[in-house]
Amino acid sequence: MIAVVVFDAIASLASLAMGFNYEYSAFGSLLLYCAFGYWASRVRTILFAPIVGALMGLTDASLGWAVSWILGPGRWEPGVLTLSTWALIALQVTAVAALCALLGGVVGRYMPRRKRGEA
């Protein structure tokens, strides 16, 4: 969860410094969800992957968004973002993150493992 908040901060600062649209950083978040799902299924079970992903997504939609809001690129116009709008977005981000992590988890679980000493 720390990784996604740090990524949001770095992406926000990069967006401001380089002038690219902050929304493109969503692809980086999707890669993080997949990577941590992969890791979760390797160290635990495949069912652990979507749980990790969902927690990362909820963190991204709350703390990560707060960080990008404070830094600037994640800010919406005043009055546009209501609690119900945020809740719907958070639900969508959480579901997508869980799905991406599950995808990464399936790859992690069913990808052949190398034996120690193999190159």
C-alpha atoms as a PDB file:
ATOM      1  CA  MET A   1       0.000   0.000   0.000  1.00  0.00           C
ATOM      2  CA  ILE A   2       2.963   2.265   0.661  1.00  0.00           C
ATOM      3  CA  ALA A   3       4.213   1.589  -2.880  1.00  0.00           C
ATOM      4  CA  VAL A   4       1.017   2.897  -4.471  1.00  0.00           C
ATOM      5  CA  VAL A   5       1.013   6.103  -2.384  1.00  0.00           C
ATOM      6  CA  VAL A   6       4.695   6.722  -3.147  1.00  0.00           C
ATOM      7  CA  PHE A   7       4.003   6.037  -6.825  1.00  0.00           C
ATOM      8  CA  ASP A   8       1.121   8.561  -6.790  1.00  0.00           C
ATOM      9  CA  ALA A   9       3.387  11.182  -5.253  1.00  0.00           C
ATOM     10  CA  ILE A  10       6.166  10.573  -7.785  1.00  0.00           C
ATOM     11  CA  ALA A  11       3.687  10.526 -10.688  1.00  0.00           C
ATOM     12  CA  SER A  12       2.125  13.770  -9.469  1.00  0.00           C
ATOM     13  CA  LEU A  13       5.472  15.521  -9.237  1.00  0.00           C
ATOM     14  CA  ALA A  14       6.559  14.127 -12.618  1.00  0.00           C
ATOM     15  CA  SER A  15       3.297  15.287 -14.174  1.00  0.00           C
ATOM     16  CA  LEU A  16       3.860  18.794 -12.889  1.00  0.00           C
ATOM     17  CA  ALA A  17       7.538  18.875 -13.872  1.00  0.00           C
ATOM     18  CA  MET A  18       7.166  17.345 -17.332  1.00  0.00           C
ATOM     19  CA  GLY A  19       3.696  18.609 -18.195  1.00  0.00           C
ATOM     20  CA  PHE A  20       2.073  15.269 -19.064  1.00  0.00           C
ATOM     21  CA  ASN A  21      -1.508  14.387 -18.172  1.00  0.00           C
ATOM     22  CA  TYR A  22      -1.574  12.850 -14.675  1.00  0.00           C
ATOM     23  CA  GLU A  23      -4.297  10.405 -15.752  1.00  0.00           C
ATOM     24  CA  TYR A  24      -1.675   8.455 -17.723  1.00  0.00           C
ATOM     25  CA  SER A  25      -0.127   7.387 -14.430  1.00  0.00           C
ATOM     26  CA  ALA A  26      -3.083   5.007 -14.003  1.00  0.00           C
ATOM     27  CA  PHE A  27      -1.175   2.545 -16.200  1.00  0.00           C
ATOM     28  CA  GLY A  28       1.616   2.505 -13.626  1.00  0.00           C
ATOM     29  CA  SER A  29      -0.904   1.790 -10.883  1.00  0.00           C
ATOM     30  CA  LEU A  30      -2.305  -1.123 -12.906  1.00  0.00           C
ATOM     31  CA  LEU A  31       1.205  -2.552 -13.246  1.00  0.00           C
ATOM     32  CA  LEU A  32       1.734  -2.216  -9.502  1.00  0.00           C
ATOM     33  CA  TYR A  33      -1.504  -4.096  -8.786  1.00  0.00           C
ATOM     34  CA  CYS A  34      -0.453  -6.909 -11.142  1.00  0.00           C
ATOM     35  CA  ALA A  35       3.067  -7.071  -9.707  1.00  0.00           C
ATOM     36  CA  PHE A  36       1.907  -7.224  -6.110  1.00  0.00           C
ATOM     37  CA  GLY A  37      -0.729  -9.812  -7.036  1.00  0.00           C
ATOM     38  CA  TYR A  38       2.039 -11.873  -8.612  1.00  0.00           C
ATOM     39  CA  TRP A  39       4.116 -11.546  -5.459  1.00  0.00           C
ATOM     40  CA  ALA A  40       1.147 -12.329  -3.177  1.00  0.00           C
ATOM     41  CA  SER A  41       0.365 -15.580  -4.943  1.00  0.00           C
ATOM     42  CA  ARG A  42       4.009 -16.621  -4.833  1.00  0.00           C
ATOM     43  CA  VAL A  43       4.357 -16.115  -1.075  1.00  0.00           C
ATOM     44  CA  ARG A  44       0.844 -17.152  -0.019  1.00  0.00           C
ATOM     45  CA  THR A  45      -2.116 -18.444  -2.020  1.00  0.00           C
ATOM     46  CA  ILE A  46      -3.800 -17.257  -5.173  1.00  0.00           C
ATOM     47  CA  LEU A  47      -6.722 -16.025  -3.041  1.00  0.00           C
ATOM     48  CA  PHE A  48      -4.367 -13.644  -1.278  1.00  0.00           C
ATOM     49  CA  ALA A  49      -3.645 -11.786  -4.548  1.00  0.00           C
ATOM     50  CA  PRO A  50      -7.061 -10.089  -5.028  1.00  0.00           C
ATOM     51  CA  ILE A  51      -7.158  -9.194  -1.330  1.00  0.00           C
ATOM     52  CA  VAL A  52      -3.809  -7.434  -1.678  1.00  0.00           C
ATOM     53  CA  GLY A  53      -5.027  -5.774  -4.872  1.00  0.00           C
ATOM     54  CA  ALA A  54      -8.273  -4.580  -3.285  1.00  0.00           C
ATOM     55  CA  LEU A  55      -6.400  -3.079  -0.341  1.00  0.00           C
ATOM     56  CA  MET A  56      -3.988  -1.364  -2.723  1.00  0.00           C
ATOM     57  CA  GLY A  57      -6.881  -0.024  -4.808  1.00  0.00           C
ATOM     58  CA  LEU A  58      -8.704   1.342  -1.787  1.00  0.00           C
ATOM     59  CA  THR A  59      -5.480   2.958  -0.608  1.00  0.00           C
ATOM     60  CA  ASP A  60      -4.908   4.401  -4.071  1.00  0.00           C
ATOM     61  CA  ALA A  61      -8.429   5.849  -4.196  1.00  0.00           C
ATOM     62  CA  SER A  62      -8.069   7.426  -0.753  1.00  0.00           C
ATOM     63  CA  LEU A  63      -4.525   8.207   0.432  1.00  0.00           C
ATOM     64  CA  GLY A  64      -3.017   8.136  -3.039  1.00  0.00           C
ATOM     65  CA  TRP A  65      -5.660  10.494  -4.368  1.00  0.00           C
ATOM     66  CA  ALA A  66      -5.222  12.751  -1.332  1.00  0.00           C
ATOM     67  CA  VAL A  67      -1.489  12.997  -2.027  1.00  0.00           C
ATOM     68  CA  SER A  68      -2.068  13.854  -5.688  1.00  0.00           C
ATOM     69  CA  TRP A  69      -4.801  16.313  -4.655  1.00  0.00           C
ATOM     70  CA  ILE A  70      -2.403  18.091  -2.291  1.00  0.00           C
ATOM     71  CA  LEU A  71       0.354  18.177  -4.918  1.00  0.00           C
ATOM     72  CA  GLY A  72      -2.039  19.452  -7.589  1.00  0.00           C
ATOM     73  CA  PRO A  73      -2.699  17.099 -10.508  1.00  0.00           C
ATOM     74  CA  GLY A  74      -5.407  15.040  -8.784  1.00  0.00           C
ATOM     75  CA  ARG A  75      -7.472  18.060  -7.818  1.00  0.00           C
ATOM     76  CA  TRP A  76     -11.036  18.394  -9.074  1.00  0.00           C
ATOM     77  CA  GLU A  77     -13.049  21.582  -9.428  1.00  0.00           C
ATOM     78  CA  PRO A  78     -14.725  22.668  -6.168  1.00  0.00           C
ATOM     79  CA  GLY A  79     -18.147  21.101  -5.672  1.00  0.00           C
ATOM     80  CA  VAL A  80     -17.726  18.436  -8.384  1.00  0.00           C
ATOM     81  CA  LEU A  81     -16.435  15.671  -6.143  1.00  0.00           C
ATOM     82  CA  THR A  82     -19.169  14.564  -3.746  1.00  0.00           C
ATOM     83  CA  LEU A  83     -18.944  11.789  -1.190  1.00  0.00           C
ATOM     84  CA  SER A  84     -21.120   9.516  -3.334  1.00  0.00           C
ATOM     85  CA  THR A  85     -18.994  10.230  -6.435  1.00  0.00           C
ATOM     86  CA  TRP A  86     -15.823   9.434  -4.499  1.00  0.00           C
ATOM     87  CA  ALA A  87     -17.390   6.241  -3.089  1.00  0.00           C
ATOM     88  CA  LEU A  88     -18.318   5.051  -6.585  1.00  0.00           C
ATOM     89  CA  ILE A  89     -14.831   5.829  -7.905  1.00  0.00           C
ATOM     90  CA  ALA A  90     -13.230   4.107  -4.899  1.00  0.00           C
ATOM     91  CA  LEU A  91     -15.390   1.029  -5.498  1.00  0.00           C
ATOM     92  CA  GLN A  92     -14.380   0.928  -9.171  1.00  0.00           C
ATOM     93  CA  VAL A  93     -10.678   1.427  -8.430  1.00  0.00           C
ATOM     94  CA  THR A  94     -10.803  -1.269  -5.732  1.00  0.00           C
ATOM     95  CA  ALA A  95     -12.508  -3.741  -8.088  1.00  0.00           C
ATOM     96  CA  VAL A  96     -10.084  -3.067 -10.953  1.00  0.00           C
ATOM     97  CA  ALA A  97      -7.117  -3.375  -8.588  1.00  0.00           C
ATOM     98  CA  ALA A  98      -8.401  -6.708  -7.246  1.00  0.00           C
ATOM     99  CA  LEU A  99      -8.914  -7.989 -10.787  1.00  0.00           C
ATOM    100  CA  CYS A 100      -5.426  -6.894 -11.903  1.00  0.00           C
ATOM    101  CA  ALA A 101      -3.878  -8.463  -8.822  1.00  0.00           C
ATOM    102  CA  LEU A 102      -5.786 -11.680  -9.484  1.00  0.00           C
ATOM    103  CA  LEU A 103      -4.415 -11.683 -13.026  1.00  0.00           C
ATOM    104  CA  GLY A 104      -0.907 -11.193 -11.663  1.00  0.00           C
ATOM    105  CA  GLY A 105      -1.632 -13.858  -9.070  1.00  0.00           C
ATOM    106  CA  VAL A 106      -2.666 -16.402 -11.700  1.00  0.00           C
ATOM    107  CA  VAL A 107       0.577 -15.758 -13.579  1.00  0.00           C
ATOM    108  CA  GLY A 108       2.541 -15.979 -10.345  1.00  0.00           C
ATOM    109  CA  ARG A 109       0.892 -19.180  -9.224  1.00  0.00           C
ATOM    110  CA  TYR A 110       1.035 -21.096 -12.479  1.00  0.00           C
ATOM    111  CA  MET A 111       4.331 -19.834 -13.866  1.00  0.00           C
ATOM    112  CA  PRO A 112       7.004 -22.515 -13.452  1.00  0.00           C
ATOM    113  CA  ARG A 113       9.400 -21.777 -10.631  1.00  0.00           C
ATOM    114  CA  ARG A 114      13.127 -21.898 -11.200  1.00  0.00           C
ATOM    115  CA  LYS A 115      15.095 -24.178  -8.975  1.00  0.00           C
ATOM    116  CA  ARG A 116      17.943 -22.763  -6.953  1.00  0.00           C
ATOM    117  CA  GLY A 117      21.119 -22.607  -8.938  1.00  0.00           C
ATOM    118  CA  GLU A 118      19.343 -22.426 -12.316  1.00  0.00           C
ATOM    119  CA  ALA A 119      20.145 -19.499 -14.533  1.00  0.00           C
END
